[in-house]
PDB file of all heavy atoms in Angstrom:
ATOM      1  N   HIS A   1      36.927  -6.426 131.506  1.00  0.00           N
ATOM      2  CA  HIS A   1      36.785  -7.503 132.444  1.00  0.00           C
ATOM      3  C   HIS A   1      36.865  -6.956 133.891  1.00  0.00           C
ATOM      4  O   HIS A   1      37.860  -6.324 134.266  1.00  0.00           O
ATOM      5  CB  HIS A   1      37.888  -8.538 132.277  1.00  0.00           C
ATOM      6  CG  HIS A   1      37.829  -9.682 133.256  1.00  0.00           C
ATOM      7  ND1 HIS A   1      36.876 -10.637 133.221  1.00  0.00           N
ATOM      8  CD2 HIS A   1      38.668  -9.957 134.305  1.00  0.00           C
ATOM      9  CE1 HIS A   1      37.060 -11.516 134.207  1.00  0.00           C
ATOM     10  NE2 HIS A   1      38.158 -11.124 134.877  1.00  0.00           N
ATOM     11  N   ALA A   2      35.811  -7.205 134.654  1.00  0.00           N
ATOM     12  CA  ALA A   2      35.770  -6.611 136.025  1.00  0.00           C
ATOM     13  C   ALA A   2      36.020  -7.648 137.093  1.00  0.00           C
ATOM     14  O   ALA A   2      36.012  -7.309 138.295  1.00  0.00           O
ATOM     15  CB  ALA A   2      34.367  -5.974 136.260  1.00  0.00           C
ATOM     16  N   GLY A   3      36.264  -8.895 136.719  1.00  0.00           N
ATOM     17  CA  GLY A   3      36.462  -9.980 137.689  1.00  0.00           C
ATOM     18  C   GLY A   3      37.917 -10.067 138.136  1.00  0.00           C
ATOM     19  O   GLY A   3      38.750  -9.184 137.893  1.00  0.00           O
ATOM     20  N   ARG A   4      38.200 -11.153 138.779  1.00  0.00           N
ATOM     21  CA  ARG A   4      39.542 -11.386 139.286  1.00  0.00           C
ATOM     22  C   ARG A   4      40.428 -11.968 138.193  1.00  0.00           C
ATOM     23  O   ARG A   4      39.969 -12.643 137.281  1.00  0.00           O
ATOM     24  CB  ARG A   4      39.491 -12.362 140.466  1.00  0.00           C
ATOM     25  CG  ARG A   4      38.633 -11.861 141.617  1.00  0.00           C
ATOM     26  CD  ARG A   4      38.266 -12.984 142.580  1.00  0.00           C
ATOM     27  NE  ARG A   4      39.424 -13.364 143.425  1.00  0.00           N
ATOM     28  CZ  ARG A   4      39.660 -12.842 144.642  1.00  0.00           C
ATOM     29  NH1 ARG A   4      38.835 -11.945 145.143  1.00  0.00           N
ATOM     30  NH2 ARG A   4      40.679 -13.279 145.324  1.00  0.00           N
ATOM     31  N   LEU A   5      41.718 -11.757 138.345  1.00  0.00           N
ATOM     32  CA  LEU A   5      42.683 -12.251 137.370  1.00  0.00           C
ATOM     33  C   LEU A   5      42.612 -13.768 137.301  1.00  0.00           C
ATOM     34  O   LEU A   5      42.686 -14.384 136.188  1.00  0.00           O
ATOM     35  CB  LEU A   5      44.096 -11.800 137.757  1.00  0.00           C
ATOM     36  CG  LEU A   5      45.255 -12.229 136.832  1.00  0.00           C
ATOM     37  CD1 LEU A   5      46.354 -11.147 136.857  1.00  0.00           C
ATOM     38  CD2 LEU A   5      45.900 -13.556 137.269  1.00  0.00           C
ATOM     39  N   SER A   6      42.447 -14.452 138.412  1.00  0.00           N
ATOM     40  CA  SER A   6      42.470 -15.922 138.461  1.00  0.00           C
ATOM     41  C   SER A   6      41.291 -16.530 137.710  1.00  0.00           C
ATOM     42  O   SER A   6      41.310 -17.696 137.344  1.00  0.00           O
ATOM     43  CB  SER A   6      42.456 -16.438 139.889  1.00  0.00           C
ATOM     44  OG  SER A   6      41.349 -15.860 140.623  1.00  0.00           O
ATOM     45  N   GLU A   7      40.244 -15.743 137.446  1.00  0.00           N
ATOM     46  CA  GLU A   7      39.082 -16.247 136.706  1.00  0.00           C
ATOM     47  C   GLU A   7      39.437 -16.505 135.224  1.00  0.00           C
ATOM     48  O   GLU A   7      38.836 -17.375 134.579  1.00  0.00           O
ATOM     49  CB  GLU A   7      37.907 -15.248 136.776  1.00  0.00           C
ATOM     50  CG  GLU A   7      37.337 -15.113 138.166  1.00  0.00           C
ATOM     51  CD  GLU A   7      36.296 -13.997 138.227  1.00  0.00           C
ATOM     52  OE1 GLU A   7      36.008 -13.409 137.172  1.00  0.00           O
ATOM     53  OE2 GLU A   7      35.790 -13.681 139.311  1.00  0.00           O
ATOM     54  N   VAL A   8      40.407 -15.719 134.719  1.00  0.00           N
ATOM     55  CA  VAL A   8      40.810 -15.861 133.334  1.00  0.00           C
ATOM     56  C   VAL A   8      42.130 -16.588 133.204  1.00  0.00           C
ATOM     57  O   VAL A   8      42.367 -17.382 132.294  1.00  0.00           O
ATOM     58  CB  VAL A   8      40.920 -14.463 132.654  1.00  0.00           C
ATOM     59  CG1 VAL A   8      41.297 -14.594 131.185  1.00  0.00           C
ATOM     60  CG2 VAL A   8      39.631 -13.657 132.827  1.00  0.00           C
ATOM     61  N   PHE A   9      43.027 -16.340 134.170  1.00  0.00           N
ATOM     62  CA  PHE A   9      44.380 -16.929 134.169  1.00  0.00           C
ATOM     63  C   PHE A   9      44.600 -17.617 135.513  1.00  0.00           C
ATOM     64  O   PHE A   9      45.151 -17.010 136.440  1.00  0.00           O
ATOM     65  CB  PHE A   9      45.448 -15.884 133.891  1.00  0.00           C
ATOM     66  CG  PHE A   9      45.474 -15.378 132.487  1.00  0.00           C
ATOM     67  CD1 PHE A   9      44.784 -14.236 132.141  1.00  0.00           C
ATOM     68  CD2 PHE A   9      46.190 -16.006 131.512  1.00  0.00           C
ATOM     69  CE1 PHE A   9      44.790 -13.752 130.850  1.00  0.00           C
ATOM     70  CE2 PHE A   9      46.234 -15.575 130.224  1.00  0.00           C
ATOM     71  CZ  PHE A   9      45.529 -14.440 129.874  1.00  0.00           C
ATOM     72  N   PRO A  10      44.179 -18.876 135.626  1.00  0.00           N
ATOM     73  CA  PRO A  10      44.484 -19.629 136.878  1.00  0.00           C
ATOM     74  C   PRO A  10      45.956 -19.911 136.973  1.00  0.00           C
ATOM     75  O   PRO A  10      46.734 -19.568 136.113  1.00  0.00           O
ATOM     76  CB  PRO A  10      43.677 -20.928 136.687  1.00  0.00           C
ATOM     77  CG  PRO A  10      43.457 -21.036 135.210  1.00  0.00           C
ATOM     78  CD  PRO A  10      43.390 -19.632 134.664  1.00  0.00           C
ATOM     79  N   SER A  11      46.378 -20.581 138.060  1.00  0.00           N
ATOM     80  CA  SER A  11      47.758 -20.723 138.326  1.00  0.00           C
ATOM     81  C   SER A  11      48.540 -21.460 137.229  1.00  0.00           C
ATOM     82  O   SER A  11      49.689 -21.116 136.933  1.00  0.00           O
ATOM     83  CB  SER A  11      47.979 -21.432 139.672  1.00  0.00           C
ATOM     84  OG  SER A  11      47.372 -22.737 139.631  1.00  0.00           O
ATOM     85  N   ASP A  12      47.912 -22.486 136.581  1.00  0.00           N
ATOM     86  CA  ASP A  12      48.642 -23.198 135.543  1.00  0.00           C
ATOM     87  C   ASP A  12      48.852 -22.295 134.317  1.00  0.00           C
ATOM     88  O   ASP A  12      49.876 -22.427 133.639  1.00  0.00           O
ATOM     89  CB  ASP A  12      47.887 -24.496 135.161  1.00  0.00           C
ATOM     90  CG  ASP A  12      46.457 -24.200 134.629  1.00  0.00           C
ATOM     91  OD1 ASP A  12      45.931 -23.165 134.977  1.00  0.00           O
ATOM     92  OD2 ASP A  12      45.996 -25.026 133.848  1.00  0.00           O
ATOM     93  N   ALA A  13      47.876 -21.421 134.056  1.00  0.00           N
ATOM     94  CA  ALA A  13      48.071 -20.459 132.927  1.00  0.00           C
ATOM     95  C   ALA A  13      49.165 -19.460 133.259  1.00  0.00           C
ATOM     96  O   ALA A  13      49.979 -19.123 132.394  1.00  0.00           O
ATOM     97  CB  ALA A  13      46.758 -19.769 132.640  1.00  0.00           C
ATOM     98  N   LEU A  14      49.204 -18.970 134.490  1.00  0.00           N
ATOM     99  CA  LEU A  14      50.254 -18.090 134.889  1.00  0.00           C
ATOM    100  C   LEU A  14      51.655 -18.736 134.801  1.00  0.00           C
ATOM    101  O   LEU A  14      52.641 -18.077 134.487  1.00  0.00           O
ATOM    102  CB  LEU A  14      50.000 -17.574 136.326  1.00  0.00           C
ATOM    103  CG  LEU A  14      48.870 -16.565 136.491  1.00  0.00           C
ATOM    104  CD1 LEU A  14      48.633 -16.264 137.984  1.00  0.00           C
ATOM    105  CD2 LEU A  14      49.158 -15.283 135.726  1.00  0.00           C
ATOM    106  N   LYS A  15      51.671 -20.029 135.068  1.00  0.00           N
ATOM    107  CA  LYS A  15      52.944 -20.790 134.954  1.00  0.00           C
ATOM    108  C   LYS A  15      53.411 -20.753 133.533  1.00  0.00           C
ATOM    109  O   LYS A  15      54.629 -20.545 133.250  1.00  0.00           O
ATOM    110  CB  LYS A  15      52.739 -22.214 135.428  1.00  0.00           C
ATOM    111  CG  LYS A  15      53.975 -23.090 135.260  1.00  0.00           C
ATOM    112  CD  LYS A  15      53.650 -24.546 135.708  1.00  0.00           C
ATOM    113  CE  LYS A  15      54.861 -25.433 135.458  1.00  0.00           C
ATOM    114  NZ  LYS A  15      54.606 -26.789 135.879  1.00  0.00           N
ATOM    115  N   ARG A  16      52.532 -20.950 132.567  1.00  0.00           N
ATOM    116  CA  ARG A  16      52.923 -20.897 131.162  1.00  0.00           C
ATOM    117  C   ARG A  16      53.368 -19.470 130.750  1.00  0.00           C
ATOM    118  O   ARG A  16      54.343 -19.325 130.004  1.00  0.00           O
ATOM    119  CB  ARG A  16      51.757 -21.372 130.272  1.00  0.00           C
ATOM    120  CG  ARG A  16      51.492 -22.852 130.379  1.00  0.00           C
ATOM    121  CD  ARG A  16      50.577 -23.336 129.247  1.00  0.00           C
ATOM    122  NE  ARG A  16      49.271 -22.751 129.344  1.00  0.00           N
ATOM    123  CZ  ARG A  16      48.261 -23.286 130.065  1.00  0.00           C
ATOM    124  NH1 ARG A  16      48.457 -24.387 130.750  1.00  0.00           N
ATOM    125  NH2 ARG A  16      47.084 -22.685 130.047  1.00  0.00           N
ATOM    126  N   LEU A  17      52.703 -18.475 131.269  1.00  0.00           N
ATOM    127  CA  LEU A  17      53.109 -17.109 130.985  1.00  0.00           C
ATOM    128  C   LEU A  17      54.521 -16.829 131.520  1.00  0.00           C
ATOM    129  O   LEU A  17      55.336 -16.163 130.846  1.00  0.00           O
ATOM    130  CB  LEU A  17      52.133 -16.108 131.571  1.00  0.00           C
ATOM    131  CG  LEU A  17      50.714 -16.096 131.041  1.00  0.00           C
ATOM    132  CD1 LEU A  17      49.897 -14.974 131.670  1.00  0.00           C
ATOM    133  CD2 LEU A  17      50.655 -15.950 129.527  1.00  0.00           C
ATOM    134  N   ALA A  18      54.810 -17.342 132.700  1.00  0.00           N
ATOM    135  CA  ALA A  18      56.080 -17.111 133.336  1.00  0.00           C
ATOM    136  C   ALA A  18      57.235 -17.784 132.559  1.00  0.00           C
ATOM    137  O   ALA A  18      58.359 -17.280 132.552  1.00  0.00           O
ATOM    138  CB  ALA A  18      56.075 -17.607 134.796  1.00  0.00           C
ATOM    139  N   ALA A  19      56.924 -18.916 131.920  1.00  0.00           N
ATOM    140  CA  ALA A  19      57.978 -19.710 131.261  1.00  0.00           C
ATOM    141  C   ALA A  19      58.171 -19.327 129.776  1.00  0.00           C
ATOM    142  O   ALA A  19      59.141 -19.735 129.203  1.00  0.00           O
ATOM    143  CB  ALA A  19      57.642 -21.194 131.362  1.00  0.00           C
ATOM    144  N   HIS A  20      57.228 -18.558 129.215  1.00  0.00           N
ATOM    145  CA  HIS A  20      57.307 -18.213 127.800  1.00  0.00           C
ATOM    146  C   HIS A  20      58.374 -17.239 127.506  1.00  0.00           C
ATOM    147  O   HIS A  20      58.715 -16.393 128.366  1.00  0.00           O
ATOM    148  CB  HIS A  20      55.947 -17.659 127.367  1.00  0.00           C
ATOM    149  CG  HIS A  20      55.799 -17.447 125.902  1.00  0.00           C
ATOM    150  ND1 HIS A  20      56.005 -18.470 124.982  1.00  0.00           N
ATOM    151  CD2 HIS A  20      55.480 -16.377 125.152  1.00  0.00           C
ATOM    152  CE1 HIS A  20      55.816 -18.007 123.754  1.00  0.00           C
ATOM    153  NE2 HIS A  20      55.495 -16.726 123.819  1.00  0.00           N
ATOM    154  N   ALA A  21      58.998 -17.309 126.312  1.00  0.00           N
ATOM    155  CA  ALA A  21      60.124 -16.431 125.979  1.00  0.00           C
ATOM    156  C   ALA A  21      59.684 -15.058 125.539  1.00  0.00           C
ATOM    157  O   ALA A  21      60.511 -14.113 125.485  1.00  0.00           O
ATOM    158  CB  ALA A  21      60.956 -17.071 124.855  1.00  0.00           C
ATOM    159  N   TRP A  22      58.427 -14.872 125.115  1.00  0.00           N
ATOM    160  CA  TRP A  22      57.880 -13.586 124.704  1.00  0.00           C
ATOM    161  C   TRP A  22      58.695 -12.889 123.638  1.00  0.00           C
ATOM    162  O   TRP A  22      59.153 -11.757 123.808  1.00  0.00           O
ATOM    163  CB  TRP A  22      57.690 -12.634 125.894  1.00  0.00           C
ATOM    164  CG  TRP A  22      56.730 -13.213 126.906  1.00  0.00           C
ATOM    165  CD1 TRP A  22      57.046 -13.683 128.126  1.00  0.00           C
ATOM    166  CD2 TRP A  22      55.324 -13.416 126.734  1.00  0.00           C
ATOM    167  NE1 TRP A  22      55.913 -14.184 128.777  1.00  0.00           N
ATOM    168  CE2 TRP A  22      54.834 -14.038 127.900  1.00  0.00           C
ATOM    169  CE3 TRP A  22      54.452 -13.184 125.669  1.00  0.00           C
ATOM    170  CZ2 TRP A  22      53.503 -14.373 128.060  1.00  0.00           C
ATOM    171  CZ3 TRP A  22      53.107 -13.561 125.826  1.00  0.00           C
ATOM    172  CH2 TRP A  22      52.628 -14.108 127.022  1.00  0.00           C
ATOM    173  N   PRO A  23      58.858 -13.488 122.485  1.00  0.00           N
ATOM    174  CA  PRO A  23      59.592 -12.810 121.380  1.00  0.00           C
ATOM    175  C   PRO A  23      58.859 -11.596 120.907  1.00  0.00           C
ATOM    176  O   PRO A  23      59.533 -10.665 120.354  1.00  0.00           O
ATOM    177  CB  PRO A  23      59.663 -13.903 120.281  1.00  0.00           C
ATOM    178  CG  PRO A  23      58.544 -14.851 120.595  1.00  0.00           C
ATOM    179  CD  PRO A  23      58.436 -14.840 122.094  1.00  0.00           C
ATOM    180  N   GLY A  24      57.546 -11.513 121.039  1.00  0.00           N
ATOM    181  CA  GLY A  24      56.807 -10.309 120.634  1.00  0.00           C
ATOM    182  C   GLY A  24      56.628  -9.310 121.773  1.00  0.00           C
ATOM    183  O   GLY A  24      55.894  -8.324 121.597  1.00  0.00           O
ATOM    184  N   ASN A  25      57.154  -9.623 122.939  1.00  0.00           N
ATOM    185  CA  ASN A  25      57.175  -8.729 124.079  1.00  0.00           C
ATOM    186  C   ASN A  25      55.772  -8.358 124.548  1.00  0.00           C
ATOM    187  O   ASN A  25      54.872  -9.201 124.519  1.00  0.00           O
ATOM    188  CB  ASN A  25      58.041  -7.487 123.777  1.00  0.00           C
ATOM    189  CG  ASN A  25      59.497  -7.844 123.668  1.00  0.00           C
ATOM    190  OD1 ASN A  25      60.097  -8.229 124.643  1.00  0.00           O
ATOM    191  ND2 ASN A  25      60.056  -7.754 122.464  1.00  0.00           N
ATOM    192  N   VAL A  26      55.591  -7.108 125.045  1.00  0.00           N
ATOM    193  CA  VAL A  26      54.312  -6.735 125.646  1.00  0.00           C
ATOM    194  C   VAL A  26      53.174  -6.768 124.616  1.00  0.00           C
ATOM    195  O   VAL A  26      52.052  -7.103 124.938  1.00  0.00           O
ATOM    196  CB  VAL A  26      54.446  -5.313 126.248  1.00  0.00           C
ATOM    197  CG1 VAL A  26      53.133  -4.878 126.860  1.00  0.00           C
ATOM    198  CG2 VAL A  26      55.528  -5.294 127.330  1.00  0.00           C
ATOM    199  N   ARG A  27      53.476  -6.483 123.361  1.00  0.00           N
ATOM    200  CA  ARG A  27      52.444  -6.536 122.326  1.00  0.00           C
ATOM    201  C   ARG A  27      51.917  -7.986 122.205  1.00  0.00           C
ATOM    202  O   ARG A  27      50.703  -8.179 122.048  1.00  0.00           O
ATOM    203  CB  ARG A  27      53.009  -6.083 120.976  1.00  0.00           C
ATOM    204  CG  ARG A  27      51.937  -6.041 119.906  1.00  0.00           C
ATOM    205  CD  ARG A  27      52.535  -5.670 118.540  1.00  0.00           C
ATOM    206  NE  ARG A  27      53.101  -4.336 118.525  1.00  0.00           N
ATOM    207  CZ  ARG A  27      54.339  -4.045 118.225  1.00  0.00           C
ATOM    208  NH1 ARG A  27      55.172  -5.012 117.916  1.00  0.00           N
ATOM    209  NH2 ARG A  27      54.789  -2.817 118.241  1.00  0.00           N
ATOM    210  N   GLU A  28      52.810  -8.950 122.277  1.00  0.00           N
ATOM    211  CA  GLU A  28      52.389 -10.352 122.206  1.00  0.00           C
ATOM    212  C   GLU A  28      51.556 -10.728 123.420  1.00  0.00           C
ATOM    213  O   GLU A  28      50.525 -11.396 123.313  1.00  0.00           O
ATOM    214  CB  GLU A  28      53.615 -11.268 122.096  1.00  0.00           C
ATOM    215  CG  GLU A  28      53.249 -12.731 121.989  1.00  0.00           C
ATOM    216  CD  GLU A  28      54.468 -13.638 122.085  1.00  0.00           C
ATOM    217  OE1 GLU A  28      55.617 -13.114 122.174  1.00  0.00           O
ATOM    218  OE2 GLU A  28      54.282 -14.870 122.030  1.00  0.00           O
ATOM    219  N   LEU A  29      51.981 -10.270 124.598  1.00  0.00           N
ATOM    220  CA  LEU A  29      51.228 -10.528 125.850  1.00  0.00           C
ATOM    221  C   LEU A  29      49.812  -9.992 125.732  1.00  0.00           C
ATOM    222  O   LEU A  29      48.816 -10.618 126.125  1.00  0.00           O
ATOM    223  CB  LEU A  29      51.952  -9.984 127.045  1.00  0.00           C
ATOM    224  CG  LEU A  29      51.206 -10.109 128.363  1.00  0.00           C
ATOM    225  CD1 LEU A  29      50.999 -11.566 128.768  1.00  0.00           C
ATOM    226  CD2 LEU A  29      51.978  -9.386 129.486  1.00  0.00           C
ATOM    227  N   ARG A  30      49.702  -8.749 125.216  1.00  0.00           N
ATOM    228  CA  ARG A  30      48.368  -8.142 125.112  1.00  0.00           C
ATOM    229  C   ARG A  30      47.480  -8.974 124.193  1.00  0.00           C
ATOM    230  O   ARG A  30      46.294  -9.177 124.502  1.00  0.00           O
ATOM    231  CB  ARG A  30      48.514  -6.710 124.539  1.00  0.00           C
ATOM    232  CG  ARG A  30      47.208  -5.964 124.464  1.00  0.00           C
ATOM    233  CD  ARG A  30      47.481  -4.505 123.995  1.00  0.00           C
ATOM    234  NE  ARG A  30      46.229  -3.772 123.967  1.00  0.00           N
ATOM    235  CZ  ARG A  30      45.374  -3.742 122.937  1.00  0.00           C
ATOM    236  NH1 ARG A  30      45.632  -4.435 121.847  1.00  0.00           N
ATOM    237  NH2 ARG A  30      44.280  -3.026 123.015  1.00  0.00           N
ATOM    238  N   ASN A  31      48.042  -9.412 123.063  1.00  0.00           N
ATOM    239  CA  ASN A  31      47.229 -10.246 122.151  1.00  0.00           C
ATOM    240  C   ASN A  31      46.819 -11.559 122.787  1.00  0.00           C
ATOM    241  O   ASN A  31      45.678 -12.054 122.558  1.00  0.00           O
ATOM    242  CB  ASN A  31      48.048 -10.523 120.884  1.00  0.00           C
ATOM    243  CG  ASN A  31      48.219  -9.291 120.025  1.00  0.00           C
ATOM    244  OD1 ASN A  31      47.486  -8.325 120.153  1.00  0.00           O
ATOM    245  ND2 ASN A  31      49.210  -9.298 119.124  1.00  0.00           N
ATOM    246  N   VAL A  32      47.707 -12.141 123.609  1.00  0.00           N
ATOM    247  CA  VAL A  32      47.359 -13.394 124.325  1.00  0.00           C
ATOM    248  C   VAL A  32      46.239 -13.161 125.300  1.00  0.00           C
ATOM    249  O   VAL A  32      45.276 -13.926 125.369  1.00  0.00           O
ATOM    250  CB  VAL A  32      48.601 -13.952 125.042  1.00  0.00           C
ATOM    251  CG1 VAL A  32      48.207 -15.020 126.025  1.00  0.00           C
ATOM    252  CG2 VAL A  32      49.607 -14.501 124.026  1.00  0.00           C
ATOM    253  N   VAL A  33      46.289 -12.043 126.014  1.00  0.00           N
ATOM    254  CA  VAL A  33      45.263 -11.732 127.007  1.00  0.00           C
ATOM    255  C   VAL A  33      43.930 -11.516 126.298  1.00  0.00           C
ATOM    256  O   VAL A  33      42.883 -12.094 126.712  1.00  0.00           O
ATOM    257  CB  VAL A  33      45.649 -10.479 127.823  1.00  0.00           C
ATOM    258  CG1 VAL A  33      44.497 -10.041 128.721  1.00  0.00           C
ATOM    259  CG2 VAL A  33      46.875 -10.774 128.691  1.00  0.00           C
ATOM    260  N   LEU A  34      43.887 -10.733 125.261  1.00  0.00           N
ATOM    261  CA  LEU A  34      42.656 -10.451 124.535  1.00  0.00           C
ATOM    262  C   LEU A  34      42.088 -11.675 123.888  1.00  0.00           C
ATOM    263  O   LEU A  34      40.904 -11.900 123.870  1.00  0.00           O
ATOM    264  CB  LEU A  34      42.873  -9.318 123.519  1.00  0.00           C
ATOM    265  CG  LEU A  34      43.284  -7.937 124.070  1.00  0.00           C
ATOM    266  CD1 LEU A  34      43.418  -6.953 122.926  1.00  0.00           C
ATOM    267  CD2 LEU A  34      42.283  -7.470 125.104  1.00  0.00           C
ATOM    268  N   GLY A  35      43.006 -12.540 123.337  1.00  0.00           N
ATOM    269  CA  GLY A  35      42.523 -13.751 122.734  1.00  0.00           C
ATOM    270  C   GLY A  35      41.972 -14.720 123.742  1.00  0.00           C
ATOM    271  O   GLY A  35      40.949 -15.400 123.503  1.00  0.00           O
ATOM    272  N   THR A  36      42.603 -14.793 124.901  1.00  0.00           N
ATOM    273  CA  THR A  36      42.103 -15.702 125.997  1.00  0.00           C
ATOM    274  C   THR A  36      40.719 -15.207 126.453  1.00  0.00           C
ATOM    275  O   THR A  36      39.825 -16.031 126.673  1.00  0.00           O
ATOM    276  CB  THR A  36      43.108 -15.682 127.152  1.00  0.00           C
ATOM    277  OG1 THR A  36      44.364 -16.191 126.707  1.00  0.00           O
ATOM    278  CG2 THR A  36      42.617 -16.536 128.295  1.00  0.00           C
TER     279      THR A  36
END
């Protein structure tokens, strides 16, 4: 992806990322990003 972060994760999506507990840690975050 060569675009801006906000094109894939706007502010409301970043809010959800900030509030999530991340039980799977960075591996879970990577899967969320690739899935999105």
